[in-house]
């Protein structure tokens, strides 16, 4: 999916081709400058796939202001598994937490199997707050994704939930 790549590219302002599996949860933080003199402190918790059965999942999601569910646009199964992760996120998140789906790897145009229409239909059918299409590698739409959800200025904690669910 590249959720850790997205997180790293966002926080560190650049892509790292080195893969490092998330075990448990990784915590990262970045301050964004908004219009005028406003800033937003974004705290990201990158939750590893094996955490789905963790007793700590509710703790990871408590107090969150938003959830990003990440899938790989070149992998249809990854997109299909969003439903499972959405159920988990809704179960363990505070009520009315805005949830977004993030399609990663849009730079791999020839390999893409999930269309914009399927992406947008999922947002509508699940009543999500929104969704974005990004590329961790190229940085396409990465900052715009965060700025889009930071209005009005808030201090947000976003949780990247992996997809697919581990067996």
Foldseek 3Di string as FASTA:
>chain_A
DCPVLLVCCVQVVAGDPDDDADDAWDWGWDWAQDPDRDIAIEIEIEGGLVCLPPPCPLVLAEPFQEEEEEAEQLDPQQVVQVVVVVVSNCVRHDPPRAYEYEYEDVVPVVSGDQDPVNRVVVCVVVVHPYYYYAYSHVGRCSVVVVVVPCPPPYHGYYYYHGDDRDD
